[in-house]
Amino acid sequence: MVLNVDLQCSKCYKKVKKLLCKFPEIQDQKYDEKANKVTIKVVSSSPEKIRDKLCCKGCGCIKSIEIPPPPPPPKPDPKPDPKPKDKPMKVSVDLQVQGFFLL
């Protein structure tokens, strides 16, 4: 979720930071002070419920809240076809012992 907040205002910054710490469902808070945006990650709850709670508790500090669509699931890598096993090769070795004579 992306929150549009006036992060240049110290009161708004403190209020939003304190508010986001109260929700255990919110993780990964990233503050972008230049763009006045706070990016958060919501786990184990629906983002719509958290959005509604943030709007109520945030009063006038939070200007807008955007919920981006979830990222598509990663495509599984195509597994290569298993190579057919080679037939065992028959190797014939001619083992002949040649006698050595010591003189």
C-alpha atoms as a PDB file:
ATOM      1  CA  MET A   1       0.000   0.000   0.000  1.00  0.00           C
ATOM      2  CA  VAL A   2       1.139   3.541  -0.667  1.00  0.00           C
ATOM      3  CA  LEU A   3       0.135   6.357   1.657  1.00  0.00           C
ATOM      4  CA  ASN A   4       0.350   9.969   0.513  1.00  0.00           C
ATOM      5  CA  VAL A   5       1.339  11.977   3.582  1.00  0.00           C
ATOM      6  CA  ASP A   6       2.925  15.386   4.143  1.00  0.00           C
ATOM      7  CA  LEU A   7       6.245  14.105   5.489  1.00  0.00           C
ATOM      8  CA  GLN A   8       7.747  17.610   5.534  1.00  0.00           C
ATOM      9  CA  CYS A   9       5.481  18.423   8.490  1.00  0.00           C
ATOM     10  CA  SER A  10       7.099  17.016  11.637  1.00  0.00           C
ATOM     11  CA  LYS A  11       3.756  16.495  13.422  1.00  0.00           C
ATOM     12  CA  CYS A  12       2.312  14.533  10.497  1.00  0.00           C
ATOM     13  CA  TYR A  13       5.495  12.461  10.193  1.00  0.00           C
ATOM     14  CA  LYS A  14       5.435  11.520  13.896  1.00  0.00           C
ATOM     15  CA  LYS A  15       1.705  10.801  13.849  1.00  0.00           C
ATOM     16  CA  VAL A  16       1.895   8.489  10.836  1.00  0.00           C
ATOM     17  CA  LYS A  17       4.960   6.692  12.187  1.00  0.00           C
ATOM     18  CA  LYS A  18       3.265   6.146  15.557  1.00  0.00           C
ATOM     19  CA  LEU A  19       0.038   5.042  13.869  1.00  0.00           C
ATOM     20  CA  LEU A  20       1.751   2.473  11.646  1.00  0.00           C
ATOM     21  CA  CYS A  21       3.597   0.969  14.617  1.00  0.00           C
ATOM     22  CA  LYS A  22       0.280   0.162  16.308  1.00  0.00           C
ATOM     23  CA  PHE A  23      -0.752  -2.322  13.608  1.00  0.00           C
ATOM     24  CA  PRO A  24       0.998  -5.710  13.807  1.00  0.00           C
ATOM     25  CA  GLU A  25      -0.275  -6.531  10.290  1.00  0.00           C
ATOM     26  CA  ILE A  26       1.929  -3.810   8.779  1.00  0.00           C
ATOM     27  CA  GLN A  27       5.519  -4.619   7.868  1.00  0.00           C
ATOM     28  CA  ASP A  28       8.271  -3.043   5.792  1.00  0.00           C
ATOM     29  CA  GLN A  29       7.649   0.669   6.241  1.00  0.00           C
ATOM     30  CA  LYS A  30       9.565   2.758   3.689  1.00  0.00           C
ATOM     31  CA  TYR A  31       9.455   6.536   3.954  1.00  0.00           C
ATOM     32  CA  ASP A  32      10.111   8.595   0.808  1.00  0.00           C
ATOM     33  CA  GLU A  33      10.327  12.164   2.096  1.00  0.00           C
ATOM     34  CA  LYS A  34      10.962  13.734  -1.296  1.00  0.00           C
ATOM     35  CA  ALA A  35       7.813  12.245  -2.848  1.00  0.00           C
ATOM     36  CA  ASN A  36       5.804  12.457   0.425  1.00  0.00           C
ATOM     37  CA  LYS A  37       4.906   8.770   0.239  1.00  0.00           C
ATOM     38  CA  VAL A  38       5.026   5.910   2.717  1.00  0.00           C
ATOM     39  CA  THR A  39       5.097   2.386   1.297  1.00  0.00           C
ATOM     40  CA  ILE A  40       3.947  -0.397   3.600  1.00  0.00           C
ATOM     41  CA  LYS A  41       3.414  -4.133   3.286  1.00  0.00           C
ATOM     42  CA  VAL A  42       0.278  -5.669   4.802  1.00  0.00           C
ATOM     43  CA  VAL A  43       0.369  -9.316   5.891  1.00  0.00           C
ATOM     44  CA  SER A  44      -2.206 -11.651   7.432  1.00  0.00           C
ATOM     45  CA  SER A  45      -5.119  -9.287   6.808  1.00  0.00           C
ATOM     46  CA  SER A  46      -7.003  -7.696   3.959  1.00  0.00           C
ATOM     47  CA  PRO A  47      -5.553  -4.367   2.812  1.00  0.00           C
ATOM     48  CA  GLU A  48      -9.040  -2.871   2.554  1.00  0.00           C
ATOM     49  CA  LYS A  49      -9.654  -3.284   6.292  1.00  0.00           C
ATOM     50  CA  ILE A  50      -6.296  -1.771   7.150  1.00  0.00           C
ATOM     51  CA  ARG A  51      -6.963   1.114   4.737  1.00  0.00           C
ATOM     52  CA  ASP A  52     -10.262   1.884   6.459  1.00  0.00           C
ATOM     53  CA  LYS A  53      -8.643   1.811   9.913  1.00  0.00           C
ATOM     54  CA  LEU A  54      -5.793   4.051   8.776  1.00  0.00           C
ATOM     55  CA  CYS A  55      -8.244   6.570   7.314  1.00  0.00           C
ATOM     56  CA  CYS A  56     -10.160   6.760  10.598  1.00  0.00           C
ATOM     57  CA  LYS A  57      -7.129   6.949  12.893  1.00  0.00           C
ATOM     58  CA  GLY A  58      -4.992   9.131  10.623  1.00  0.00           C
ATOM     59  CA  CYS A  59      -7.388  12.084  10.700  1.00  0.00           C
ATOM     60  CA  GLY A  60      -6.125  14.697   8.244  1.00  0.00           C
ATOM     61  CA  CYS A  61      -2.513  13.552   8.022  1.00  0.00           C
ATOM     62  CA  ILE A  62      -3.092  10.862   5.415  1.00  0.00           C
ATOM     63  CA  LYS A  63      -4.173  12.476   2.153  1.00  0.00           C
ATOM     64  CA  SER A  64      -4.815   9.298   0.151  1.00  0.00           C
ATOM     65  CA  ILE A  65      -4.151   5.566   0.232  1.00  0.00           C
ATOM     66  CA  GLU A  66      -3.495   3.486  -2.869  1.00  0.00           C
ATOM     67  CA  ILE A  67      -3.646  -0.296  -2.973  1.00  0.00           C
ATOM     68  CA  PRO A  68      -1.608  -1.561  -5.935  1.00  0.00           C
ATOM     69  CA  PRO A  69      -2.646  -4.855  -7.534  1.00  0.00           C
ATOM     70  CA  PRO A  70      -0.765  -7.876  -6.224  1.00  0.00           C
ATOM     71  CA  PRO A  71       2.206  -8.975  -8.327  1.00  0.00           C
ATOM     72  CA  PRO A  72       1.585 -11.949 -10.609  1.00  0.00           C
ATOM     73  CA  PRO A  73       2.880 -15.266  -9.336  1.00  0.00           C
ATOM     74  CA  PRO A  74       6.237 -16.239 -10.770  1.00  0.00           C
ATOM     75  CA  LYS A  75       6.123 -18.610 -13.680  1.00  0.00           C
ATOM     76  CA  PRO A  76       7.653 -21.997 -12.998  1.00  0.00           C
ATOM     77  CA  ASP A  77      10.839 -22.642 -14.901  1.00  0.00           C
ATOM     78  CA  PRO A  78      10.353 -25.165 -17.669  1.00  0.00           C
ATOM     79  CA  LYS A  79      12.252 -28.240 -16.689  1.00  0.00           C
ATOM     80  CA  PRO A  80      14.364 -29.789 -19.407  1.00  0.00           C
ATOM     81  CA  ASP A  81      13.250 -33.145 -20.684  1.00  0.00           C
ATOM     82  CA  PRO A  82      15.150 -35.915 -18.998  1.00  0.00           C
ATOM     83  CA  LYS A  83      17.744 -37.322 -21.320  1.00  0.00           C
ATOM     84  CA  PRO A  84      17.160 -40.904 -22.313  1.00  0.00           C
ATOM     85  CA  LYS A  85      19.622 -43.101 -20.554  1.00  0.00           C
ATOM     86  CA  ASP A  86      22.338 -44.439 -22.742  1.00  0.00           C
ATOM     87  CA  LYS A  87      22.460 -48.160 -23.260  1.00  0.00           C
ATOM     88  CA  PRO A  88      25.321 -49.769 -21.429  1.00  0.00           C
ATOM     89  CA  MET A  89      28.227 -50.254 -23.746  1.00  0.00           C
ATOM     90  CA  LYS A  90      29.916 -53.599 -24.008  1.00  0.00           C
ATOM     91  CA  VAL A  91      33.630 -53.299 -23.946  1.00  0.00           C
ATOM     92  CA  SER A  92      35.714 -56.304 -24.635  1.00  0.00           C
ATOM     93  CA  VAL A  93      39.260 -56.151 -23.433  1.00  0.00           C
ATOM     94  CA  ASP A  94      41.679 -58.816 -24.451  1.00  0.00           C
ATOM     95  CA  LEU A  95      43.678 -59.577 -21.377  1.00  0.00           C
ATOM     96  CA  GLN A  96      46.574 -61.744 -22.303  1.00  0.00           C
ATOM     97  CA  VAL A  97      49.440 -62.188 -20.006  1.00  0.00           C
ATOM     98  CA  GLN A  98      52.742 -62.217 -21.715  1.00  0.00           C
ATOM     99  CA  GLY A  99      55.522 -63.833 -19.928  1.00  0.00           C
ATOM    100  CA  PHE A 100      58.668 -61.905 -19.235  1.00  0.00           C
ATOM    101  CA  PHE A 101      61.854 -63.790 -18.853  1.00  0.00           C
ATOM    102  CA  LEU A 102      64.622 -62.548 -16.686  1.00  0.00           C
ATOM    103  CA  LEU A 103      68.086 -63.325 -17.869  1.00  0.00           C
END
